Amino acid sequence: MLFGVLLGIYIGVYIMFIGGIVQIINAIKATPVEAMPIALGVARMVCASIVGSIIVFGSIVIGRIVID
């Protein structure tokens, strides 16, 4: 269960939230600024907590099933 919680935090914070910020910065620095990469970066940041929570919840449920 601990691994699942750490995995959820890693994916939710680092990959989704920080990755969304980096994606927005790279999209703004690009020569032809396009709206789609910026929108996807914002969507990534908005969905970060949802994705992290789903992973943590899923790992806790699987851990409970395995323990019982």
C-alpha atoms as a PDB file:
ATOM      1  CA  MET A   1       0.000   0.000   0.000  1.00  0.00           C
ATOM      2  CA  LEU A   2       2.872   2.348   0.761  1.00  0.00           C
ATOM      3  CA  PHE A   3       4.266   1.843  -2.739  1.00  0.00           C
ATOM      4  CA  GLY A   4       0.884   2.769  -4.235  1.00  0.00           C
ATOM      5  CA  VAL A   5       0.670   5.932  -2.151  1.00  0.00           C
ATOM      6  CA  LEU A   6       4.183   6.950  -3.188  1.00  0.00           C
ATOM      7  CA  LEU A   7       3.381   6.103  -6.815  1.00  0.00           C
ATOM      8  CA  GLY A   8       0.220   8.224  -6.668  1.00  0.00           C
ATOM      9  CA  ILE A   9       2.130  11.160  -5.208  1.00  0.00           C
ATOM     10  CA  TYR A  10       4.884  10.801  -7.818  1.00  0.00           C
ATOM     11  CA  ILE A  11       2.525  10.623 -10.778  1.00  0.00           C
ATOM     12  CA  GLY A  12       0.119  13.241  -9.449  1.00  0.00           C
ATOM     13  CA  VAL A  13       2.698  15.819  -8.432  1.00  0.00           C
ATOM     14  CA  TYR A  14       5.752  15.272 -10.578  1.00  0.00           C
ATOM     15  CA  ILE A  15       4.474  13.878 -13.856  1.00  0.00           C
ATOM     16  CA  MET A  16       1.074  15.581 -14.030  1.00  0.00           C
ATOM     17  CA  PHE A  17       1.431  18.895 -12.150  1.00  0.00           C
ATOM     18  CA  ILE A  18       5.081  19.798 -12.757  1.00  0.00           C
ATOM     19  CA  GLY A  19       4.953  18.237 -16.226  1.00  0.00           C
ATOM     20  CA  GLY A  20       1.962  20.454 -17.029  1.00  0.00           C
ATOM     21  CA  ILE A  21       3.854  23.548 -15.940  1.00  0.00           C
ATOM     22  CA  VAL A  22       6.868  22.563 -18.064  1.00  0.00           C
ATOM     23  CA  GLN A  23       4.591  21.859 -21.021  1.00  0.00           C
ATOM     24  CA  ILE A  24       3.003  25.311 -20.734  1.00  0.00           C
ATOM     25  CA  ILE A  25       6.395  27.016 -20.493  1.00  0.00           C
ATOM     26  CA  ASN A  26       7.723  25.137 -23.534  1.00  0.00           C
ATOM     27  CA  ALA A  27       4.564  25.938 -25.512  1.00  0.00           C
ATOM     28  CA  ILE A  28       4.876  29.637 -24.707  1.00  0.00           C
ATOM     29  CA  LYS A  29       8.584  29.685 -25.647  1.00  0.00           C
ATOM     30  CA  ALA A  30       7.901  28.091 -29.042  1.00  0.00           C
ATOM     31  CA  THR A  31       8.144  30.393 -32.039  1.00  0.00           C
ATOM     32  CA  PRO A  32       4.632  29.779 -33.390  1.00  0.00           C
ATOM     33  CA  VAL A  33       2.644  29.890 -30.155  1.00  0.00           C
ATOM     34  CA  GLU A  34      -0.255  27.450 -30.403  1.00  0.00           C
ATOM     35  CA  ALA A  35      -3.196  27.169 -28.065  1.00  0.00           C
ATOM     36  CA  MET A  36      -3.494  23.375 -27.980  1.00  0.00           C
ATOM     37  CA  PRO A  37      -0.260  22.576 -26.084  1.00  0.00           C
ATOM     38  CA  ILE A  38      -1.064  25.321 -23.589  1.00  0.00           C
ATOM     39  CA  ALA A  39      -4.579  23.954 -23.083  1.00  0.00           C
ATOM     40  CA  LEU A  40      -3.267  20.407 -22.641  1.00  0.00           C
ATOM     41  CA  GLY A  41      -0.766  21.636 -20.055  1.00  0.00           C
ATOM     42  CA  VAL A  42      -3.537  23.377 -18.115  1.00  0.00           C
ATOM     43  CA  ALA A  43      -5.711  20.260 -18.347  1.00  0.00           C
ATOM     44  CA  ARG A  44      -2.802  18.196 -17.054  1.00  0.00           C
ATOM     45  CA  MET A  45      -2.405  20.488 -14.063  1.00  0.00           C
ATOM     46  CA  VAL A  46      -6.136  20.470 -13.318  1.00  0.00           C
ATOM     47  CA  CYS A  47      -6.365  16.666 -13.496  1.00  0.00           C
ATOM     48  CA  ALA A  48      -3.220  16.037 -11.422  1.00  0.00           C
ATOM     49  CA  SER A  49      -5.014  15.615  -8.103  1.00  0.00           C
ATOM     50  CA  ILE A  50      -7.701  13.422  -9.651  1.00  0.00           C
ATOM     51  CA  VAL A  51      -5.162  11.071 -11.224  1.00  0.00           C
ATOM     52  CA  GLY A  52      -3.063  10.905  -8.069  1.00  0.00           C
ATOM     53  CA  SER A  53      -6.112  10.227  -5.922  1.00  0.00           C
ATOM     54  CA  ILE A  54      -7.342   7.441  -8.215  1.00  0.00           C
ATOM     55  CA  ILE A  55      -3.940   5.726  -8.111  1.00  0.00           C
ATOM     56  CA  VAL A  56      -3.719   5.997  -4.312  1.00  0.00           C
ATOM     57  CA  PHE A  57      -7.300   4.778  -3.835  1.00  0.00           C
ATOM     58  CA  GLY A  58      -6.799   1.907  -6.257  1.00  0.00           C
ATOM     59  CA  SER A  59      -3.591   0.776  -4.547  1.00  0.00           C
ATOM     60  CA  ILE A  60      -5.261   0.888  -1.128  1.00  0.00           C
ATOM     61  CA  VAL A  61      -8.166  -1.220  -2.393  1.00  0.00           C
ATOM     62  CA  ILE A  62      -5.817  -3.754  -3.982  1.00  0.00           C
ATOM     63  CA  GLY A  63      -3.723  -3.847  -0.805  1.00  0.00           C
ATOM     64  CA  ARG A  64      -6.824  -4.487   1.321  1.00  0.00           C
ATOM     65  CA  ILE A  65      -7.907  -7.323  -0.980  1.00  0.00           C
ATOM     66  CA  VAL A  66      -4.461  -8.932  -0.876  1.00  0.00           C
ATOM     67  CA  ILE A  67      -4.160  -8.609   2.915  1.00  0.00           C
ATOM     68  CA  ASP A  68      -7.602 -10.087   3.570  1.00  0.00           C
END
